[in-house]
N, C-alpha and C. Protein backbone atom coordinates (compact mmCIF):
# COMPACT_ATOMS: atom_id res chain seq x y z
N MET A 1 -12.45 -11.02 4.59
CA MET A 1 -11.39 -11.32 3.66
C MET A 1 -11.73 -10.67 2.32
N LYS A 2 -10.72 -10.18 1.63
CA LYS A 2 -10.90 -9.48 0.36
C LYS A 2 -10.02 -10.08 -0.71
N ILE A 3 -10.41 -9.85 -1.95
CA ILE A 3 -9.60 -10.19 -3.12
C ILE A 3 -9.61 -8.98 -4.04
N THR A 4 -8.44 -8.62 -4.57
CA THR A 4 -8.31 -7.44 -5.42
C THR A 4 -8.24 -7.87 -6.88
N VAL A 5 -9.05 -7.23 -7.73
CA VAL A 5 -9.03 -7.51 -9.16
C VAL A 5 -8.83 -6.20 -9.92
N GLU A 6 -8.26 -6.30 -11.10
CA GLU A 6 -8.12 -5.14 -11.98
C GLU A 6 -9.26 -5.15 -12.98
N ILE A 7 -9.91 -3.99 -13.10
CA ILE A 7 -11.06 -3.86 -13.98
C ILE A 7 -10.75 -2.77 -15.00
N PHE A 8 -10.85 -3.10 -16.29
CA PHE A 8 -10.60 -2.13 -17.35
C PHE A 8 -11.89 -1.37 -17.62
N LEU A 9 -11.75 -0.07 -17.86
CA LEU A 9 -12.91 0.80 -18.00
C LEU A 9 -13.07 1.30 -19.42
N GLY A 10 -14.31 1.32 -19.89
CA GLY A 10 -14.63 1.92 -21.17
C GLY A 10 -15.01 3.38 -20.96
N ASP A 11 -15.23 4.11 -22.05
CA ASP A 11 -15.55 5.53 -21.96
C ASP A 11 -16.80 5.81 -21.13
N ASP A 12 -17.83 4.99 -21.29
CA ASP A 12 -19.08 5.20 -20.56
C ASP A 12 -18.97 4.88 -19.08
N ASP A 13 -18.00 4.05 -18.72
CA ASP A 13 -17.89 3.61 -17.33
C ASP A 13 -17.49 4.73 -16.38
N HIS A 14 -16.69 5.68 -16.85
CA HIS A 14 -16.24 6.77 -15.98
C HIS A 14 -17.43 7.56 -15.44
N ASP A 15 -18.38 7.90 -16.32
CA ASP A 15 -19.56 8.66 -15.88
C ASP A 15 -20.43 7.84 -14.93
N LYS A 16 -20.59 6.57 -15.24
CA LYS A 16 -21.41 5.71 -14.39
C LYS A 16 -20.78 5.58 -13.00
N LEU A 17 -19.45 5.42 -12.97
CA LEU A 17 -18.77 5.30 -11.68
C LEU A 17 -18.87 6.59 -10.87
N ALA A 18 -18.76 7.73 -11.55
CA ALA A 18 -18.91 9.01 -10.86
C ALA A 18 -20.32 9.13 -10.28
N ALA A 19 -21.33 8.68 -11.03
CA ALA A 19 -22.71 8.73 -10.54
C ALA A 19 -22.91 7.82 -9.32
N LEU A 20 -22.10 6.76 -9.25
CA LEU A 20 -22.20 5.84 -8.11
C LEU A 20 -21.33 6.27 -6.94
N GLY A 21 -20.64 7.40 -7.10
CA GLY A 21 -19.86 7.94 -5.99
C GLY A 21 -18.37 7.72 -6.07
N MET A 22 -17.87 7.15 -7.15
CA MET A 22 -16.44 6.96 -7.28
C MET A 22 -15.86 8.16 -8.01
N GLU A 23 -15.01 8.89 -7.33
CA GLU A 23 -14.46 10.13 -7.87
C GLU A 23 -13.21 9.86 -8.71
N PRO A 24 -12.85 10.81 -9.59
CA PRO A 24 -11.66 10.65 -10.42
C PRO A 24 -10.38 10.63 -9.60
N GLU A 25 -9.29 10.36 -10.30
CA GLU A 25 -7.97 10.22 -9.70
C GLU A 25 -7.67 11.34 -8.71
N GLY A 26 -7.11 10.95 -7.58
CA GLY A 26 -6.70 11.91 -6.57
C GLY A 26 -7.75 12.16 -5.50
N ALA A 27 -8.99 11.76 -5.75
CA ALA A 27 -10.03 11.96 -4.76
C ALA A 27 -9.83 10.98 -3.60
N PRO A 28 -10.06 11.42 -2.37
CA PRO A 28 -9.80 10.55 -1.22
C PRO A 28 -10.71 9.32 -1.19
N ASP A 29 -11.87 9.37 -1.84
CA ASP A 29 -12.79 8.24 -1.83
C ASP A 29 -12.35 7.12 -2.76
N CYS A 30 -11.39 7.38 -3.63
CA CYS A 30 -11.02 6.38 -4.63
C CYS A 30 -9.51 6.34 -4.81
N PRO A 31 -8.80 5.76 -3.85
CA PRO A 31 -7.34 5.74 -3.97
C PRO A 31 -6.82 4.83 -5.07
N ASN A 32 -7.66 3.95 -5.62
CA ASN A 32 -7.20 2.99 -6.62
C ASN A 32 -7.50 3.40 -8.06
N TRP A 33 -8.06 4.59 -8.27
CA TRP A 33 -8.39 5.04 -9.62
C TRP A 33 -7.11 5.19 -10.42
N MET A 34 -7.06 4.56 -11.60
CA MET A 34 -5.84 4.62 -12.41
C MET A 34 -6.11 5.09 -13.82
N GLY A 35 -7.26 5.68 -14.09
CA GLY A 35 -7.55 6.17 -15.43
C GLY A 35 -8.28 5.14 -16.26
N ASP A 36 -7.56 4.31 -17.01
CA ASP A 36 -8.18 3.33 -17.89
C ASP A 36 -8.58 2.04 -17.18
N SER A 37 -8.09 1.86 -15.97
CA SER A 37 -8.47 0.68 -15.20
C SER A 37 -8.42 1.04 -13.72
N ILE A 38 -9.07 0.21 -12.93
CA ILE A 38 -9.02 0.39 -11.48
C ILE A 38 -8.75 -0.96 -10.83
N GLU A 39 -8.21 -0.92 -9.65
CA GLU A 39 -8.11 -2.11 -8.81
C GLU A 39 -9.18 -1.96 -7.76
N HIS A 40 -9.95 -3.02 -7.56
CA HIS A 40 -11.06 -2.94 -6.61
C HIS A 40 -11.09 -4.20 -5.75
N ASP A 41 -11.38 -4.01 -4.46
CA ASP A 41 -11.48 -5.13 -3.52
C ASP A 41 -12.91 -5.64 -3.47
N PHE A 42 -13.06 -6.93 -3.59
CA PHE A 42 -14.35 -7.59 -3.43
C PHE A 42 -14.27 -8.54 -2.25
N PRO A 43 -15.42 -8.85 -1.63
CA PRO A 43 -15.42 -9.85 -0.57
C PRO A 43 -15.01 -11.20 -1.16
N ALA A 44 -14.30 -12.00 -0.36
CA ALA A 44 -13.77 -13.26 -0.87
C ALA A 44 -14.05 -14.41 0.09
N SER A 45 -13.95 -15.60 -0.46
CA SER A 45 -14.03 -16.82 0.32
C SER A 45 -13.07 -17.83 -0.31
N TRP A 46 -12.86 -18.95 0.39
CA TRP A 46 -11.97 -19.99 -0.12
C TRP A 46 -12.80 -21.06 -0.82
N GLU A 47 -12.26 -21.58 -1.93
CA GLU A 47 -12.92 -22.60 -2.72
C GLU A 47 -11.89 -23.66 -3.10
N VAL A 48 -12.33 -24.91 -3.20
CA VAL A 48 -11.42 -25.97 -3.62
C VAL A 48 -10.91 -25.65 -5.02
N CYS A 49 -9.61 -25.80 -5.22
CA CYS A 49 -8.99 -25.50 -6.51
C CYS A 49 -9.55 -26.43 -7.58
N GLY A 50 -10.06 -25.83 -8.65
CA GLY A 50 -10.63 -26.61 -9.75
C GLY A 50 -9.58 -27.20 -10.67
N GLU A 51 -8.37 -26.70 -10.61
CA GLU A 51 -7.30 -27.21 -11.48
C GLU A 51 -6.80 -28.57 -11.01
N CYS A 52 -6.60 -28.71 -9.69
CA CYS A 52 -6.07 -29.96 -9.14
C CYS A 52 -7.12 -30.73 -8.34
N ASP A 53 -8.35 -30.23 -8.34
CA ASP A 53 -9.46 -30.83 -7.59
C ASP A 53 -9.12 -30.99 -6.11
N GLY A 54 -8.39 -30.03 -5.57
CA GLY A 54 -8.07 -30.03 -4.15
C GLY A 54 -6.94 -30.97 -3.77
N GLN A 55 -6.24 -31.52 -4.74
CA GLN A 55 -5.13 -32.43 -4.44
C GLN A 55 -3.84 -31.67 -4.12
N GLY A 56 -3.70 -30.47 -4.65
CA GLY A 56 -2.50 -29.67 -4.42
C GLY A 56 -1.38 -29.95 -5.40
N THR A 57 -1.56 -30.96 -6.25
CA THR A 57 -0.52 -31.30 -7.23
C THR A 57 -1.15 -31.60 -8.59
N THR A 58 -0.34 -31.45 -9.63
CA THR A 58 -0.70 -31.92 -10.96
C THR A 58 0.54 -32.60 -11.54
N MET A 59 0.35 -33.40 -12.55
CA MET A 59 1.48 -34.08 -13.15
C MET A 59 2.42 -33.05 -13.79
N PHE A 60 3.67 -33.12 -13.44
CA PHE A 60 4.72 -32.22 -13.91
C PHE A 60 4.52 -30.77 -13.45
N GLY A 61 3.47 -30.50 -12.63
CA GLY A 61 3.19 -29.13 -12.22
C GLY A 61 2.60 -28.29 -13.33
N TRP A 62 2.06 -28.95 -14.34
CA TRP A 62 1.46 -28.26 -15.48
C TRP A 62 -0.03 -28.13 -15.27
N ARG A 63 -0.63 -27.13 -15.91
CA ARG A 63 -2.09 -27.00 -15.90
C ARG A 63 -2.68 -28.21 -16.62
N ASN A 64 -3.88 -28.61 -16.23
CA ASN A 64 -4.51 -29.78 -16.85
C ASN A 64 -4.63 -29.65 -18.36
N ALA A 65 -4.92 -28.45 -18.84
CA ALA A 65 -5.06 -28.25 -20.29
C ALA A 65 -3.76 -28.47 -21.03
N ASP A 66 -2.63 -28.37 -20.32
CA ASP A 66 -1.31 -28.52 -20.95
C ASP A 66 -0.73 -29.92 -20.77
N GLN A 67 -1.46 -30.80 -20.11
CA GLN A 67 -0.96 -32.16 -19.85
C GLN A 67 -0.85 -32.95 -21.14
N PRO A 68 0.18 -33.77 -21.26
CA PRO A 68 0.28 -34.63 -22.44
C PRO A 68 -0.77 -35.74 -22.37
N ALA A 69 -1.14 -36.24 -23.51
CA ALA A 69 -2.09 -37.36 -23.59
C ALA A 69 -1.29 -38.63 -23.85
N TYR A 70 -1.54 -39.66 -23.05
CA TYR A 70 -0.83 -40.93 -23.20
C TYR A 70 -1.80 -42.00 -23.66
N THR A 71 -1.27 -42.92 -24.43
CA THR A 71 -2.08 -44.04 -24.92
C THR A 71 -1.60 -45.33 -24.26
N ALA A 72 -2.38 -46.37 -24.39
CA ALA A 72 -1.98 -47.67 -23.85
C ALA A 72 -0.65 -48.11 -24.45
N GLU A 73 -0.44 -47.76 -25.72
CA GLU A 73 0.82 -48.10 -26.38
C GLU A 73 2.02 -47.44 -25.69
N ASP A 74 1.85 -46.19 -25.27
CA ASP A 74 2.93 -45.49 -24.55
C ASP A 74 3.29 -46.25 -23.28
N PHE A 75 2.30 -46.73 -22.57
CA PHE A 75 2.55 -47.41 -21.31
C PHE A 75 3.12 -48.81 -21.53
N GLU A 76 2.73 -49.45 -22.63
CA GLU A 76 3.30 -50.76 -22.95
C GLU A 76 4.78 -50.64 -23.26
N GLU A 77 5.17 -49.55 -23.91
CA GLU A 77 6.58 -49.33 -24.25
C GLU A 77 7.42 -49.06 -23.01
N ASP A 78 6.81 -48.45 -21.98
CA ASP A 78 7.57 -48.11 -20.78
C ASP A 78 6.69 -48.34 -19.54
N PRO A 79 6.59 -49.60 -19.11
CA PRO A 79 5.73 -49.91 -17.97
C PRO A 79 6.17 -49.20 -16.68
N ASP A 80 7.45 -48.92 -16.54
CA ASP A 80 7.92 -48.21 -15.34
C ASP A 80 7.37 -46.79 -15.30
N PHE A 81 7.27 -46.17 -16.47
CA PHE A 81 6.70 -44.83 -16.52
C PHE A 81 5.27 -44.84 -16.00
N TYR A 82 4.50 -45.83 -16.43
CA TYR A 82 3.12 -45.93 -15.98
C TYR A 82 3.06 -46.13 -14.46
N SER A 83 3.88 -47.02 -13.95
CA SER A 83 3.90 -47.28 -12.50
C SER A 83 4.29 -46.02 -11.73
N ASN A 84 5.31 -45.34 -12.21
CA ASN A 84 5.74 -44.11 -11.54
C ASN A 84 4.67 -43.02 -11.61
N MET A 85 4.01 -42.93 -12.76
CA MET A 85 2.97 -41.92 -12.91
C MET A 85 1.82 -42.20 -11.94
N MET A 86 1.40 -43.45 -11.85
CA MET A 86 0.30 -43.80 -10.94
C MET A 86 0.70 -43.61 -9.48
N ALA A 87 1.98 -43.73 -9.17
CA ALA A 87 2.46 -43.56 -7.80
C ALA A 87 2.67 -42.09 -7.45
N GLY A 88 2.54 -41.21 -8.44
CA GLY A 88 2.68 -39.78 -8.17
C GLY A 88 4.11 -39.28 -8.27
N ALA A 89 4.99 -40.06 -8.86
CA ALA A 89 6.40 -39.67 -8.93
C ALA A 89 6.62 -38.39 -9.74
N TYR A 90 5.71 -38.07 -10.65
CA TYR A 90 5.88 -36.89 -11.50
C TYR A 90 5.03 -35.71 -11.04
N ASP A 91 4.34 -35.88 -9.90
CA ASP A 91 3.49 -34.80 -9.40
C ASP A 91 4.32 -33.65 -8.84
N LYS A 92 3.88 -32.46 -9.16
CA LYS A 92 4.50 -31.22 -8.67
C LYS A 92 3.39 -30.33 -8.15
N PRO A 93 3.71 -29.28 -7.36
CA PRO A 93 2.64 -28.40 -6.86
C PRO A 93 1.80 -27.82 -7.99
N CYS A 94 0.52 -27.73 -7.74
CA CYS A 94 -0.43 -27.18 -8.71
C CYS A 94 -0.03 -25.75 -9.08
N PRO A 95 -0.05 -25.41 -10.38
CA PRO A 95 0.33 -24.06 -10.79
C PRO A 95 -0.70 -23.00 -10.40
N VAL A 96 -1.91 -23.39 -10.05
CA VAL A 96 -2.95 -22.43 -9.70
C VAL A 96 -2.96 -22.15 -8.20
N CYS A 97 -3.07 -23.21 -7.39
CA CYS A 97 -3.15 -23.02 -5.93
C CYS A 97 -1.79 -23.12 -5.26
N LYS A 98 -0.75 -23.46 -6.00
CA LYS A 98 0.62 -23.58 -5.48
C LYS A 98 0.72 -24.61 -4.36
N GLY A 99 -0.14 -25.64 -4.43
CA GLY A 99 -0.10 -26.71 -3.44
C GLY A 99 -1.01 -26.50 -2.24
N ARG A 100 -1.65 -25.36 -2.15
CA ARG A 100 -2.51 -25.05 -1.01
C ARG A 100 -3.80 -25.87 -1.01
N THR A 101 -4.27 -26.29 -2.15
CA THR A 101 -5.50 -27.07 -2.40
C THR A 101 -6.75 -26.20 -2.49
N THR A 102 -6.69 -24.94 -2.07
CA THR A 102 -7.82 -24.03 -2.18
C THR A 102 -7.35 -22.72 -2.80
N ILE A 103 -8.31 -21.98 -3.38
CA ILE A 103 -8.00 -20.68 -3.96
C ILE A 103 -9.00 -19.65 -3.44
N LYS A 104 -8.56 -18.41 -3.39
CA LYS A 104 -9.44 -17.32 -2.98
C LYS A 104 -10.26 -16.89 -4.18
N VAL A 105 -11.58 -16.80 -3.99
CA VAL A 105 -12.49 -16.40 -5.05
C VAL A 105 -13.43 -15.30 -4.54
N VAL A 106 -13.98 -14.54 -5.45
CA VAL A 106 -14.94 -13.50 -5.07
C VAL A 106 -16.20 -14.17 -4.54
N ASP A 107 -16.66 -13.70 -3.39
CA ASP A 107 -17.91 -14.19 -2.79
C ASP A 107 -19.06 -13.36 -3.33
N GLU A 108 -19.67 -13.82 -4.42
CA GLU A 108 -20.72 -13.07 -5.10
C GLU A 108 -21.91 -12.79 -4.19
N ASN A 109 -22.18 -13.67 -3.25
CA ASN A 109 -23.32 -13.49 -2.34
C ASN A 109 -23.13 -12.33 -1.37
N ASP A 110 -21.89 -11.88 -1.23
CA ASP A 110 -21.59 -10.81 -0.28
C ASP A 110 -21.40 -9.45 -0.97
N ILE A 111 -21.67 -9.38 -2.28
CA ILE A 111 -21.57 -8.11 -3.01
C ILE A 111 -22.92 -7.42 -2.89
N LYS A 112 -22.95 -6.31 -2.14
CA LYS A 112 -24.23 -5.68 -1.81
C LYS A 112 -24.42 -4.27 -2.38
N ASN A 113 -23.42 -3.40 -2.20
CA ASN A 113 -23.66 -2.00 -2.58
C ASN A 113 -23.63 -1.82 -4.10
N PRO A 114 -24.33 -0.81 -4.61
CA PRO A 114 -24.46 -0.61 -6.07
C PRO A 114 -23.13 -0.46 -6.80
N LEU A 115 -22.15 0.21 -6.17
CA LEU A 115 -20.85 0.37 -6.81
C LEU A 115 -20.19 -0.99 -7.01
N ASP A 116 -20.17 -1.82 -5.97
CA ASP A 116 -19.57 -3.15 -6.07
C ASP A 116 -20.30 -4.00 -7.10
N VAL A 117 -21.63 -3.91 -7.14
CA VAL A 117 -22.42 -4.68 -8.10
C VAL A 117 -22.04 -4.27 -9.53
N TYR A 118 -21.95 -2.97 -9.78
CA TYR A 118 -21.61 -2.48 -11.11
C TYR A 118 -20.19 -2.93 -11.51
N LEU A 119 -19.24 -2.78 -10.58
CA LEU A 119 -17.86 -3.17 -10.89
C LEU A 119 -17.74 -4.67 -11.10
N TRP A 120 -18.51 -5.45 -10.33
CA TRP A 120 -18.48 -6.90 -10.52
C TRP A 120 -19.03 -7.27 -11.89
N GLN A 121 -20.08 -6.60 -12.35
CA GLN A 121 -20.62 -6.86 -13.69
C GLN A 121 -19.59 -6.51 -14.76
N LEU A 122 -18.89 -5.39 -14.59
CA LEU A 122 -17.84 -5.02 -15.54
C LEU A 122 -16.75 -6.08 -15.58
N TYR A 123 -16.34 -6.53 -14.41
CA TYR A 123 -15.27 -7.53 -14.34
C TYR A 123 -15.71 -8.84 -15.01
N ARG A 124 -16.91 -9.30 -14.73
CA ARG A 124 -17.41 -10.54 -15.33
C ARG A 124 -17.46 -10.41 -16.86
N LYS A 125 -17.88 -9.25 -17.35
CA LYS A 125 -17.92 -9.01 -18.79
C LYS A 125 -16.50 -9.07 -19.38
N GLN A 126 -15.55 -8.46 -18.67
CA GLN A 126 -14.16 -8.46 -19.11
C GLN A 126 -13.62 -9.89 -19.17
N VAL A 127 -13.88 -10.69 -18.17
CA VAL A 127 -13.40 -12.07 -18.15
C VAL A 127 -14.04 -12.88 -19.28
N ALA A 128 -15.33 -12.68 -19.53
CA ALA A 128 -16.01 -13.39 -20.61
C ALA A 128 -15.41 -13.02 -21.97
N GLU A 129 -15.09 -11.74 -22.16
CA GLU A 129 -14.49 -11.30 -23.42
C GLU A 129 -13.09 -11.89 -23.59
N GLN A 130 -12.32 -11.95 -22.52
CA GLN A 130 -10.98 -12.54 -22.59
C GLN A 130 -11.07 -14.02 -22.93
N GLU A 131 -12.03 -14.72 -22.34
CA GLU A 131 -12.21 -16.15 -22.62
C GLU A 131 -12.64 -16.35 -24.07
N ARG A 132 -13.53 -15.51 -24.56
CA ARG A 132 -13.96 -15.60 -25.96
C ARG A 132 -12.76 -15.39 -26.89
N ASP A 133 -11.94 -14.37 -26.60
CA ASP A 133 -10.76 -14.10 -27.42
C ASP A 133 -9.77 -15.27 -27.37
N ARG A 134 -9.62 -15.88 -26.19
CA ARG A 134 -8.71 -17.01 -26.04
C ARG A 134 -9.20 -18.18 -26.89
N ARG A 135 -10.50 -18.43 -26.87
CA ARG A 135 -11.06 -19.54 -27.66
C ARG A 135 -10.91 -19.30 -29.15
N ILE A 136 -11.12 -18.07 -29.58
CA ILE A 136 -10.95 -17.74 -31.00
C ILE A 136 -9.49 -17.95 -31.41
N SER A 137 -8.56 -17.46 -30.60
CA SER A 137 -7.13 -17.63 -30.90
C SER A 137 -6.75 -19.10 -30.96
N GLU A 138 -7.26 -19.88 -30.01
CA GLU A 138 -6.98 -21.31 -30.00
C GLU A 138 -7.54 -21.99 -31.25
N SER A 139 -8.73 -21.62 -31.66
CA SER A 139 -9.34 -22.18 -32.86
C SER A 139 -8.52 -21.82 -34.09
N GLU A 140 -8.09 -20.57 -34.18
CA GLU A 140 -7.28 -20.14 -35.32
C GLU A 140 -5.95 -20.88 -35.34
N ARG A 141 -5.36 -21.10 -34.15
CA ARG A 141 -4.09 -21.80 -34.08
C ARG A 141 -4.25 -23.24 -34.57
N ARG A 142 -5.34 -23.89 -34.17
CA ARG A 142 -5.58 -25.27 -34.62
C ARG A 142 -5.78 -25.35 -36.12
N MET A 143 -6.31 -24.27 -36.72
CA MET A 143 -6.55 -24.26 -38.17
C MET A 143 -5.32 -23.83 -38.94
N GLY A 144 -4.23 -23.54 -38.24
CA GLY A 144 -3.00 -23.19 -38.90
C GLY A 144 -2.79 -21.71 -39.13
N ALA A 145 -3.60 -20.88 -38.54
CA ALA A 145 -3.49 -19.43 -38.74
C ALA A 145 -2.36 -18.85 -37.91
């Protein structure tokens, strides 16, 4: 089983990829070369969805980070809402796994060849940078920027 990810390339990455055997656009060995980014298949496995903890649903079908926070006062004002919420009346399919309860993830233990190892390191770096940028933006938004 495979999972395809898009990996953005910096200037130095092109030379490194060529040294690892990945040829530029049009070469038969690299049909996914797109210039500034590539799509690459990695080995995959199934993992329990971390968003819904394998339940397949979330309240209102929203991501957990977007869920509203309720207080005891909210439930005292509308006891039926609390009963309905506990009964799952507002549950919708999870936005991440779409109700499947599991998601396909890269199987890091099955990444063996040097090209895949290098591309996986690039991808992990890219994801870490995106997460850092997201956290900075969120912090600025909270501060009113």
